[in-house]
Amino acid sequence: MSIKNSVFIATSLDGYIADKNGGIDWLHSIPNPDNDDMGYVEFNKEIDALVMGRTTFETVLGFDVDWPYNKPVFVLSNTLKEIPEALKNKAFLVKGKLAEILVEIHEKGFNRLYVDGGTTIRNFLKEDLIDEMVITTIPVLLGGGSSLFAELPNELKFELIGTKTYLNQITQNHYKRKK
């Protein structure tokens, strides 16, 4: 089984994944009457587990919905002490260096990972650990907030392997790491 770390995320036109207040309501600024999942269900079939940071984990916990993931979720945190009781066996706390964490996750048999959360994605990119990115662009300028990308130690080349349009407004680009 090949090892693959994937990103599936939405950004504003100006590259933000959350607004200045950490909000994500703008993600729903384009009416979606048929609740098109924009490829998420198909993407989800291709992954074994998720890796997210504490902030993303706490954001998801704050949503007024049942736990939305049907795959194991590994939560990266050096400060979180434990996973809420209701999520034991669904979410797992991991800490340490990314390379070591990945070995630990792979040893458990999870090789195709969905990497989620701004800081986590940026940290994976810093260590050149992202193999593919599906970036959905919502046509709104937020003018600030949490940026998807940050400074990197080295240039990383990706190639475009597909583009889709949803709701006549939203573009989704699928990139593969070029090595």
N, C-alpha and C. Protein backbone atom coordinates (compact mmCIF):
# COMPACT_ATOMS: atom_id res chain seq x y z
N MET A 1 0.86 -1.19 0.00
CA MET A 1 0.00 0.00 0.00
C MET A 1 0.89 1.24 0.00
N SER A 2 0.64 2.09 -0.95
CA SER A 2 1.47 3.30 -1.01
C SER A 2 1.04 4.29 0.06
N ILE A 3 2.01 5.07 0.49
CA ILE A 3 1.77 6.08 1.51
C ILE A 3 1.46 7.40 0.80
N LYS A 4 0.37 8.05 1.24
CA LYS A 4 -0.01 9.31 0.60
C LYS A 4 -0.63 10.23 1.62
N ASN A 5 -0.17 11.49 1.64
CA ASN A 5 -0.74 12.51 2.50
C ASN A 5 -1.45 13.53 1.62
N SER A 6 -2.76 13.68 1.85
CA SER A 6 -3.58 14.52 0.99
C SER A 6 -4.24 15.65 1.77
N VAL A 7 -4.44 16.76 1.07
CA VAL A 7 -5.15 17.91 1.61
C VAL A 7 -6.43 18.07 0.79
N PHE A 8 -7.55 18.33 1.46
CA PHE A 8 -8.82 18.64 0.79
C PHE A 8 -9.37 19.82 1.57
N ILE A 9 -9.29 21.01 0.99
CA ILE A 9 -9.63 22.20 1.77
C ILE A 9 -10.18 23.29 0.86
N ALA A 10 -10.93 24.21 1.45
CA ALA A 10 -11.47 25.35 0.71
C ALA A 10 -10.76 26.61 1.16
N THR A 11 -10.55 27.52 0.21
CA THR A 11 -9.96 28.82 0.54
C THR A 11 -10.80 29.92 -0.10
N SER A 12 -10.60 31.12 0.42
CA SER A 12 -11.16 32.31 -0.23
C SER A 12 -10.28 32.61 -1.44
N LEU A 13 -10.73 33.54 -2.29
CA LEU A 13 -9.92 33.95 -3.44
C LEU A 13 -8.54 34.44 -3.00
N ASP A 14 -8.48 35.08 -1.83
CA ASP A 14 -7.20 35.60 -1.36
C ASP A 14 -6.44 34.62 -0.46
N GLY A 15 -6.83 33.35 -0.51
CA GLY A 15 -6.02 32.30 0.11
C GLY A 15 -6.22 32.04 1.59
N TYR A 16 -7.34 32.49 2.15
CA TYR A 16 -7.59 32.26 3.57
C TYR A 16 -8.52 31.07 3.78
N ILE A 17 -8.32 30.37 4.91
CA ILE A 17 -9.18 29.23 5.23
C ILE A 17 -10.13 29.56 6.38
N ALA A 18 -9.94 30.71 7.00
CA ALA A 18 -10.86 31.21 8.02
C ALA A 18 -10.77 32.73 7.99
N ASP A 19 -11.86 33.40 8.38
CA ASP A 19 -11.85 34.86 8.34
C ASP A 19 -11.10 35.44 9.55
N LYS A 20 -11.10 36.76 9.68
CA LYS A 20 -10.33 37.43 10.73
C LYS A 20 -10.76 37.01 12.13
N ASN A 21 -11.99 36.51 12.27
CA ASN A 21 -12.48 36.07 13.58
C ASN A 21 -12.43 34.55 13.71
N GLY A 22 -11.76 33.89 12.76
CA GLY A 22 -11.69 32.42 12.79
C GLY A 22 -12.94 31.77 12.21
N GLY A 23 -13.85 32.59 11.67
CA GLY A 23 -15.12 32.08 11.16
C GLY A 23 -15.01 31.43 9.79
N ILE A 24 -15.94 30.52 9.51
CA ILE A 24 -15.96 29.84 8.20
C ILE A 24 -17.33 29.91 7.54
N ASP A 25 -18.19 30.82 8.01
CA ASP A 25 -19.53 30.96 7.41
C ASP A 25 -19.46 31.28 5.92
N TRP A 26 -18.42 31.98 5.51
CA TRP A 26 -18.25 32.37 4.11
C TRP A 26 -18.17 31.16 3.18
N LEU A 27 -17.85 29.99 3.72
CA LEU A 27 -17.80 28.77 2.91
C LEU A 27 -19.16 28.49 2.26
N HIS A 28 -20.21 29.01 2.89
CA HIS A 28 -21.57 28.75 2.40
C HIS A 28 -22.15 29.98 1.70
N SER A 29 -21.28 30.85 1.21
CA SER A 29 -21.76 32.09 0.58
C SER A 29 -22.39 31.85 -0.79
N ILE A 30 -22.09 30.72 -1.41
CA ILE A 30 -22.72 30.37 -2.70
C ILE A 30 -23.84 29.39 -2.40
N PRO A 31 -25.07 29.70 -2.80
CA PRO A 31 -26.18 28.78 -2.52
C PRO A 31 -25.90 27.39 -3.08
N ASN A 32 -26.21 26.37 -2.27
CA ASN A 32 -25.97 24.98 -2.66
C ASN A 32 -27.24 24.18 -2.33
N PRO A 33 -28.32 24.44 -3.08
CA PRO A 33 -29.62 23.84 -2.75
C PRO A 33 -29.63 22.31 -2.74
N ASP A 34 -28.78 21.69 -3.55
CA ASP A 34 -28.77 20.22 -3.60
C ASP A 34 -27.70 19.62 -2.69
N ASN A 35 -27.07 20.47 -1.87
CA ASN A 35 -26.02 20.00 -0.97
C ASN A 35 -24.94 19.18 -1.68
N ASP A 36 -24.47 19.70 -2.80
CA ASP A 36 -23.39 19.06 -3.55
C ASP A 36 -22.18 18.95 -2.62
N ASP A 37 -21.61 17.76 -2.49
CA ASP A 37 -20.48 17.58 -1.58
C ASP A 37 -19.14 17.97 -2.23
N MET A 38 -19.19 18.38 -3.48
CA MET A 38 -18.02 18.86 -4.21
C MET A 38 -16.83 17.91 -4.14
N GLY A 39 -17.12 16.63 -4.26
CA GLY A 39 -16.07 15.62 -4.33
C GLY A 39 -15.59 15.07 -3.01
N TYR A 40 -16.15 15.57 -1.89
CA TYR A 40 -15.66 15.13 -0.58
C TYR A 40 -15.91 13.65 -0.33
N VAL A 41 -17.09 13.15 -0.66
CA VAL A 41 -17.42 11.74 -0.40
C VAL A 41 -16.46 10.83 -1.18
N GLU A 42 -16.22 11.17 -2.43
CA GLU A 42 -15.28 10.41 -3.27
C GLU A 42 -13.86 10.47 -2.68
N PHE A 43 -13.44 11.65 -2.28
CA PHE A 43 -12.12 11.83 -1.66
C PHE A 43 -12.02 10.99 -0.39
N ASN A 44 -13.07 11.01 0.43
CA ASN A 44 -13.09 10.30 1.70
C ASN A 44 -12.92 8.79 1.52
N LYS A 45 -13.40 8.27 0.39
CA LYS A 45 -13.27 6.82 0.12
C LYS A 45 -11.81 6.44 -0.08
N GLU A 46 -10.98 7.41 -0.46
CA GLU A 46 -9.58 7.15 -0.78
C GLU A 46 -8.64 7.27 0.42
N ILE A 47 -9.17 7.62 1.59
CA ILE A 47 -8.30 7.81 2.75
C ILE A 47 -8.56 6.77 3.83
N ASP A 48 -7.52 6.55 4.66
CA ASP A 48 -7.62 5.59 5.77
C ASP A 48 -7.88 6.28 7.11
N ALA A 49 -7.37 7.51 7.24
CA ALA A 49 -7.47 8.22 8.52
C ALA A 49 -7.22 9.71 8.28
N LEU A 50 -7.54 10.52 9.30
CA LEU A 50 -7.31 11.96 9.24
C LEU A 50 -6.24 12.35 10.26
N VAL A 51 -5.51 13.40 9.91
CA VAL A 51 -4.56 14.00 10.85
C VAL A 51 -4.92 15.47 10.90
N MET A 52 -5.21 15.95 12.10
CA MET A 52 -5.57 17.37 12.24
C MET A 52 -4.95 17.92 13.50
N GLY A 53 -4.85 19.23 13.55
CA GLY A 53 -4.33 19.87 14.74
C GLY A 53 -5.41 20.10 15.78
N ARG A 54 -4.98 20.50 16.96
CA ARG A 54 -5.90 20.72 18.07
C ARG A 54 -6.96 21.77 17.74
N THR A 55 -6.56 22.87 17.09
CA THR A 55 -7.52 23.95 16.80
C THR A 55 -8.64 23.44 15.89
N THR A 56 -8.29 22.71 14.84
CA THR A 56 -9.30 22.16 13.93
C THR A 56 -10.19 21.17 14.69
N PHE A 57 -9.58 20.32 15.51
CA PHE A 57 -10.32 19.35 16.31
C PHE A 57 -11.33 20.06 17.20
N GLU A 58 -10.88 21.11 17.89
CA GLU A 58 -11.78 21.85 18.79
C GLU A 58 -12.87 22.59 18.00
N THR A 59 -12.54 23.06 16.79
CA THR A 59 -13.55 23.70 15.94
C THR A 59 -14.64 22.70 15.58
N VAL A 60 -14.23 21.49 15.18
CA VAL A 60 -15.19 20.44 14.81
C VAL A 60 -16.05 20.07 16.02
N LEU A 61 -15.43 19.98 17.20
CA LEU A 61 -16.18 19.66 18.43
C LEU A 61 -17.23 20.74 18.72
N GLY A 62 -16.93 21.98 18.28
CA GLY A 62 -17.84 23.10 18.53
C GLY A 62 -19.03 23.14 17.59
N PHE A 63 -18.98 22.36 16.49
CA PHE A 63 -20.12 22.33 15.56
C PHE A 63 -21.27 21.59 16.25
N ASP A 64 -22.47 22.03 15.97
CA ASP A 64 -23.63 21.40 16.59
C ASP A 64 -24.08 20.21 15.76
N VAL A 65 -23.16 19.25 15.58
CA VAL A 65 -23.45 18.06 14.77
C VAL A 65 -22.83 16.84 15.45
N ASP A 66 -23.28 15.66 15.04
CA ASP A 66 -22.64 14.44 15.51
C ASP A 66 -21.22 14.40 14.93
N TRP A 67 -20.36 13.59 15.53
CA TRP A 67 -18.98 13.45 15.05
C TRP A 67 -19.02 13.11 13.56
N PRO A 68 -18.43 13.97 12.70
CA PRO A 68 -18.63 13.83 11.26
C PRO A 68 -17.72 12.83 10.53
N TYR A 69 -16.80 12.19 11.26
CA TYR A 69 -15.83 11.33 10.58
C TYR A 69 -16.08 9.85 10.83
N ASN A 70 -15.96 9.07 9.76
CA ASN A 70 -16.14 7.62 9.90
C ASN A 70 -14.79 6.90 9.85
N LYS A 71 -13.71 7.68 9.88
CA LYS A 71 -12.35 7.12 9.88
C LYS A 71 -11.65 7.60 11.16
N PRO A 72 -10.60 6.91 11.58
CA PRO A 72 -9.87 7.37 12.76
C PRO A 72 -9.29 8.77 12.54
N VAL A 73 -9.30 9.57 13.59
CA VAL A 73 -8.75 10.93 13.54
C VAL A 73 -7.60 11.01 14.53
N PHE A 74 -6.43 11.38 14.00
CA PHE A 74 -5.25 11.57 14.85
C PHE A 74 -5.09 13.08 15.08
N VAL A 75 -5.13 13.47 16.35
CA VAL A 75 -5.08 14.88 16.71
C VAL A 75 -3.67 15.23 17.20
N LEU A 76 -3.02 16.14 16.46
CA LEU A 76 -1.68 16.57 16.83
C LEU A 76 -1.78 17.67 17.87
N SER A 77 -1.20 17.43 19.04
CA SER A 77 -1.20 18.47 20.06
C SER A 77 -0.17 18.17 21.12
N ASN A 78 0.53 19.22 21.51
CA ASN A 78 1.46 19.08 22.63
C ASN A 78 0.82 19.59 23.91
N THR A 79 -0.38 20.21 23.79
CA THR A 79 -1.02 20.79 24.98
C THR A 79 -2.28 20.04 25.41
N LEU A 80 -2.99 19.45 24.47
CA LEU A 80 -4.21 18.72 24.80
C LEU A 80 -3.84 17.49 25.62
N LYS A 81 -4.54 17.27 26.72
CA LYS A 81 -4.18 16.16 27.60
C LYS A 81 -4.94 14.87 27.27
N GLU A 82 -6.19 15.02 26.84
CA GLU A 82 -6.95 13.82 26.51
C GLU A 82 -8.08 14.12 25.54
N ILE A 83 -8.55 13.05 24.91
CA ILE A 83 -9.66 13.12 23.96
C ILE A 83 -10.95 12.95 24.78
N PRO A 84 -12.00 13.71 24.48
CA PRO A 84 -13.26 13.53 25.21
C PRO A 84 -13.73 12.07 25.18
N GLU A 85 -14.29 11.63 26.30
CA GLU A 85 -14.73 10.24 26.48
C GLU A 85 -15.58 9.73 25.32
N ALA A 86 -16.50 10.56 24.83
CA ALA A 86 -17.41 10.15 23.75
C ALA A 86 -16.67 9.81 22.45
N LEU A 87 -15.43 10.29 22.32
CA LEU A 87 -14.69 10.06 21.07
C LEU A 87 -13.55 9.06 21.22
N LYS A 88 -13.46 8.39 22.39
CA LYS A 88 -12.43 7.36 22.56
C LYS A 88 -12.68 6.31 21.48
N ASN A 89 -11.62 5.81 20.89
CA ASN A 89 -11.67 4.85 19.77
C ASN A 89 -12.06 5.47 18.44
N LYS A 90 -12.30 6.79 18.43
CA LYS A 90 -12.58 7.49 17.17
C LYS A 90 -11.48 8.51 16.90
N ALA A 91 -11.01 9.16 17.96
CA ALA A 91 -9.95 10.16 17.85
C ALA A 91 -8.82 9.79 18.80
N PHE A 92 -7.59 10.04 18.35
CA PHE A 92 -6.41 9.63 19.11
C PHE A 92 -5.42 10.78 19.18
N LEU A 93 -4.91 11.01 20.35
CA LEU A 93 -3.96 12.09 20.57
C LEU A 93 -2.56 11.63 20.18
N VAL A 94 -1.86 12.44 19.36
CA VAL A 94 -0.47 12.12 19.01
C VAL A 94 0.38 13.37 19.19
N LYS A 95 1.61 13.17 19.62
CA LYS A 95 2.51 14.32 19.79
C LYS A 95 3.92 13.92 19.43
N GLY A 96 4.72 14.95 19.13
CA GLY A 96 6.11 14.71 18.78
C GLY A 96 6.42 15.27 17.41
N LYS A 97 7.54 14.83 16.84
CA LYS A 97 7.95 15.28 15.51
C LYS A 97 7.08 14.62 14.45
N LEU A 98 6.76 15.36 13.38
CA LEU A 98 5.88 14.83 12.33
C LEU A 98 6.34 13.50 11.77
N ALA A 99 7.62 13.40 11.45
CA ALA A 99 8.15 12.16 10.86
C ALA A 99 7.89 10.97 11.79
N GLU A 100 8.09 11.17 13.10
CA GLU A 100 7.88 10.09 14.08
C GLU A 100 6.40 9.76 14.20
N ILE A 101 5.56 10.79 14.22
CA ILE A 101 4.12 10.58 14.31
C ILE A 101 3.63 9.77 13.10
N LEU A 102 4.14 10.12 11.92
CA LEU A 102 3.72 9.41 10.70
C LEU A 102 4.12 7.94 10.76
N VAL A 103 5.31 7.64 11.26
CA VAL A 103 5.74 6.24 11.40
C VAL A 103 4.76 5.50 12.32
N GLU A 104 4.42 6.14 13.42
CA GLU A 104 3.49 5.57 14.40
C GLU A 104 2.12 5.28 13.74
N ILE A 105 1.62 6.23 12.97
CA ILE A 105 0.32 6.06 12.30
C ILE A 105 0.41 4.97 11.22
N HIS A 106 1.49 4.97 10.45
CA HIS A 106 1.66 3.95 9.40
C HIS A 106 1.77 2.55 10.00
N GLU A 107 2.43 2.45 11.16
CA GLU A 107 2.56 1.14 11.83
C GLU A 107 1.21 0.60 12.26
N LYS A 108 0.23 1.49 12.44
CA LYS A 108 -1.13 1.05 12.79
C LYS A 108 -1.92 0.66 11.54
N GLY A 109 -1.28 0.79 10.36
CA GLY A 109 -1.93 0.37 9.12
C GLY A 109 -2.65 1.47 8.37
N PHE A 110 -2.45 2.72 8.78
CA PHE A 110 -3.09 3.85 8.09
C PHE A 110 -2.06 4.55 7.22
N ASN A 111 -2.19 4.44 5.91
CA ASN A 111 -1.17 4.96 4.99
C ASN A 111 -1.64 6.12 4.13
N ARG A 112 -2.95 6.21 3.90
CA ARG A 112 -3.48 7.29 3.05
C ARG A 112 -4.19 8.28 3.97
N LEU A 113 -3.50 9.38 4.25
CA LEU A 113 -3.97 10.31 5.28
C LEU A 113 -4.52 11.60 4.70
N TYR A 114 -5.60 12.05 5.31
CA TYR A 114 -6.21 13.34 5.01
C TYR A 114 -5.67 14.30 6.06
N VAL A 115 -4.87 15.26 5.61
CA VAL A 115 -4.25 16.23 6.50
C VAL A 115 -5.13 17.48 6.52
N ASP A 116 -5.59 17.88 7.71
CA ASP A 116 -6.54 18.99 7.79
C ASP A 116 -6.13 19.98 8.87
N GLY A 117 -6.43 21.25 8.60
CA GLY A 117 -6.14 22.32 9.56
C GLY A 117 -4.96 23.14 9.10
N GLY A 118 -5.09 24.44 9.17
CA GLY A 118 -4.07 25.34 8.64
C GLY A 118 -2.67 25.10 9.15
N THR A 119 -2.50 25.09 10.46
CA THR A 119 -1.16 24.91 11.03
C THR A 119 -0.60 23.55 10.66
N THR A 120 -1.43 22.53 10.72
CA THR A 120 -0.98 21.17 10.39
C THR A 120 -0.56 21.08 8.93
N ILE A 121 -1.36 21.62 8.04
CA ILE A 121 -1.00 21.61 6.60
C ILE A 121 0.31 22.36 6.38
N ARG A 122 0.43 23.54 6.99
CA ARG A 122 1.66 24.33 6.82
C ARG A 122 2.89 23.58 7.35
N ASN A 123 2.72 22.88 8.48
CA ASN A 123 3.84 22.11 9.05
C ASN A 123 4.21 20.92 8.15
N PHE A 124 3.22 20.25 7.59
CA PHE A 124 3.49 19.14 6.66
C PHE A 124 4.21 19.68 5.42
N LEU A 125 3.78 20.83 4.91
CA LEU A 125 4.42 21.42 3.73
C LEU A 125 5.87 21.82 4.03
N LYS A 126 6.11 22.37 5.22
CA LYS A 126 7.48 22.76 5.60
C LYS A 126 8.43 21.58 5.51
N GLU A 127 7.91 20.38 5.81
CA GLU A 127 8.74 19.17 5.78
C GLU A 127 8.54 18.38 4.49
N ASP A 128 7.87 18.99 3.50
CA ASP A 128 7.62 18.36 2.21
C ASP A 128 6.93 17.00 2.36
N LEU A 129 5.86 16.98 3.14
CA LEU A 129 5.15 15.74 3.42
C LEU A 129 3.75 15.69 2.80
N ILE A 130 3.44 16.62 1.90
CA ILE A 130 2.13 16.61 1.23
C ILE A 130 2.30 16.08 -0.19
N ASP A 131 1.53 15.06 -0.54
CA ASP A 131 1.62 14.44 -1.87
C ASP A 131 0.60 14.99 -2.85
N GLU A 132 -0.55 15.40 -2.34
CA GLU A 132 -1.57 15.97 -3.23
C GLU A 132 -2.43 16.95 -2.46
N MET A 133 -2.96 17.93 -3.19
CA MET A 133 -3.84 18.93 -2.60
C MET A 133 -5.04 19.14 -3.50
N VAL A 134 -6.23 19.08 -2.90
CA VAL A 134 -7.46 19.44 -3.60
C VAL A 134 -7.90 20.75 -2.94
N ILE A 135 -7.79 21.84 -3.71
CA ILE A 135 -8.10 23.16 -3.15
C ILE A 135 -9.32 23.73 -3.86
N THR A 136 -10.37 23.94 -3.09
CA THR A 136 -11.62 24.48 -3.60
C THR A 136 -11.64 25.97 -3.29
N THR A 137 -11.82 26.79 -4.32
CA THR A 137 -11.78 28.24 -4.12
C THR A 137 -13.19 28.84 -4.17
N ILE A 138 -13.56 29.48 -3.07
CA ILE A 138 -14.85 30.15 -2.95
C ILE A 138 -14.63 31.61 -3.39
N PRO A 139 -15.47 32.13 -4.31
CA PRO A 139 -15.23 33.47 -4.84
C PRO A 139 -15.61 34.60 -3.88
N VAL A 140 -14.78 34.73 -2.84
CA VAL A 140 -14.98 35.80 -1.87
C VAL A 140 -13.58 36.25 -1.42
N LEU A 141 -13.42 37.56 -1.24
CA LEU A 141 -12.18 38.10 -0.69
C LEU A 141 -12.41 38.39 0.78
N LEU A 142 -11.65 37.74 1.65
CA LEU A 142 -11.83 37.95 3.09
C LEU A 142 -10.99 39.10 3.61
N GLY A 143 -9.91 39.43 2.91
CA GLY A 143 -9.08 40.57 3.32
C GLY A 143 -8.23 40.32 4.55
N GLY A 144 -8.16 39.08 4.98
CA GLY A 144 -7.37 38.73 6.16
C GLY A 144 -7.95 37.51 6.82
N GLY A 145 -7.20 36.95 7.75
CA GLY A 145 -7.65 35.76 8.45
C GLY A 145 -6.53 34.75 8.57
N SER A 146 -6.89 33.49 8.53
CA SER A 146 -5.91 32.40 8.65
C SER A 146 -5.55 31.94 7.24
N SER A 147 -4.30 32.12 6.89
CA SER A 147 -3.84 31.79 5.55
C SER A 147 -3.56 30.30 5.41
N LEU A 148 -3.85 29.75 4.23
CA LEU A 148 -3.54 28.35 4.00
C LEU A 148 -2.03 28.14 3.94
N PHE A 149 -1.34 29.05 3.28
CA PHE A 149 0.09 28.87 3.07
C PHE A 149 0.91 29.88 3.87
N ALA A 150 2.15 29.50 4.14
CA ALA A 150 3.09 30.38 4.84
C ALA A 150 4.47 30.18 4.21
N GLU A 151 5.43 30.88 4.75
CA GLU A 151 6.79 30.78 4.24
C GLU A 151 7.28 29.34 4.35
N LEU A 152 8.01 28.90 3.32
CA LEU A 152 8.56 27.55 3.30
C LEU A 152 10.09 27.62 3.17
N PRO A 153 10.78 26.61 3.70
CA PRO A 153 12.24 26.62 3.58
C PRO A 153 12.69 26.40 2.13
N ASN A 154 11.89 25.68 1.35
CA ASN A 154 12.24 25.39 -0.04
C ASN A 154 11.01 25.51 -0.92
N GLU A 155 11.25 25.76 -2.20
CA GLU A 155 10.17 25.80 -3.19
C GLU A 155 9.65 24.37 -3.39
N LEU A 156 8.35 24.20 -3.45
CA LEU A 156 7.74 22.90 -3.71
C LEU A 156 6.95 23.00 -5.00
N LYS A 157 7.23 22.12 -5.94
CA LYS A 157 6.52 22.14 -7.22
C LYS A 157 5.37 21.13 -7.21
N PHE A 158 4.23 21.58 -7.69
CA PHE A 158 3.06 20.73 -7.83
C PHE A 158 2.61 20.80 -9.28
N GLU A 159 1.93 19.75 -9.75
CA GLU A 159 1.35 19.83 -11.09
C GLU A 159 -0.15 19.68 -10.98
N LEU A 160 -0.84 20.43 -11.83
CA LEU A 160 -2.30 20.39 -11.86
C LEU A 160 -2.73 19.12 -12.58
N ILE A 161 -3.55 18.30 -11.90
CA ILE A 161 -4.01 17.07 -12.56
C ILE A 161 -5.51 17.09 -12.83
N GLY A 162 -6.19 18.15 -12.40
CA GLY A 162 -7.61 18.25 -12.72
C GLY A 162 -8.24 19.50 -12.15
N THR A 163 -9.26 20.00 -12.85
CA THR A 163 -10.02 21.15 -12.39
C THR A 163 -11.50 20.86 -12.59
N LYS A 164 -12.30 21.20 -11.59
CA LYS A 164 -13.75 21.05 -11.70
C LYS A 164 -14.40 22.35 -11.26
N THR A 165 -15.60 22.57 -11.77
CA THR A 165 -16.38 23.74 -11.35
C THR A 165 -17.67 23.22 -10.71
N TYR A 166 -18.00 23.80 -9.58
CA TYR A 166 -19.24 23.43 -8.88
C TYR A 166 -20.13 24.67 -8.76
N LEU A 167 -21.42 24.46 -8.90
CA LEU A 167 -22.41 25.53 -8.73
C LEU A 167 -22.13 26.74 -9.61
N ASN A 168 -21.45 26.54 -10.73
CA ASN A 168 -21.09 27.59 -11.68
C ASN A 168 -20.27 28.72 -11.06
N GLN A 169 -19.75 28.53 -9.86
CA GLN A 169 -19.06 29.60 -9.12
C GLN A 169 -17.76 29.16 -8.47
N ILE A 170 -17.71 27.90 -8.09
CA ILE A 170 -16.64 27.41 -7.24
C ILE A 170 -15.70 26.55 -8.06
N THR A 171 -14.40 26.86 -8.01
CA THR A 171 -13.44 26.05 -8.75
C THR A 171 -12.67 25.18 -7.78
N GLN A 172 -12.39 23.97 -8.24
CA GLN A 172 -11.63 23.03 -7.42
C GLN A 172 -10.46 22.53 -8.26
N ASN A 173 -9.27 22.77 -7.77
CA ASN A 173 -8.06 22.33 -8.46
C ASN A 173 -7.41 21.19 -7.68
N HIS A 174 -7.00 20.16 -8.42
CA HIS A 174 -6.36 18.99 -7.83
C HIS A 174 -4.90 19.00 -8.27
N TYR A 175 -4.00 19.11 -7.29
CA TYR A 175 -2.58 19.18 -7.55
C TYR A 175 -1.87 17.96 -6.99
N LYS A 176 -0.83 17.54 -7.70
CA LYS A 176 -0.01 16.42 -7.25
C LYS A 176 1.42 16.93 -7.08
N ARG A 177 2.07 16.52 -6.01
CA ARG A 177 3.45 16.94 -5.75
C ARG A 177 4.35 16.38 -6.85
N LYS A 178 5.17 17.24 -7.40
CA LYS A 178 6.11 16.87 -8.45
C LYS A 178 7.48 16.67 -7.81
N LYS A 179 7.98 15.45 -7.85
CA LYS A 179 9.29 15.18 -7.19
C LYS A 179 10.29 14.70 -8.20
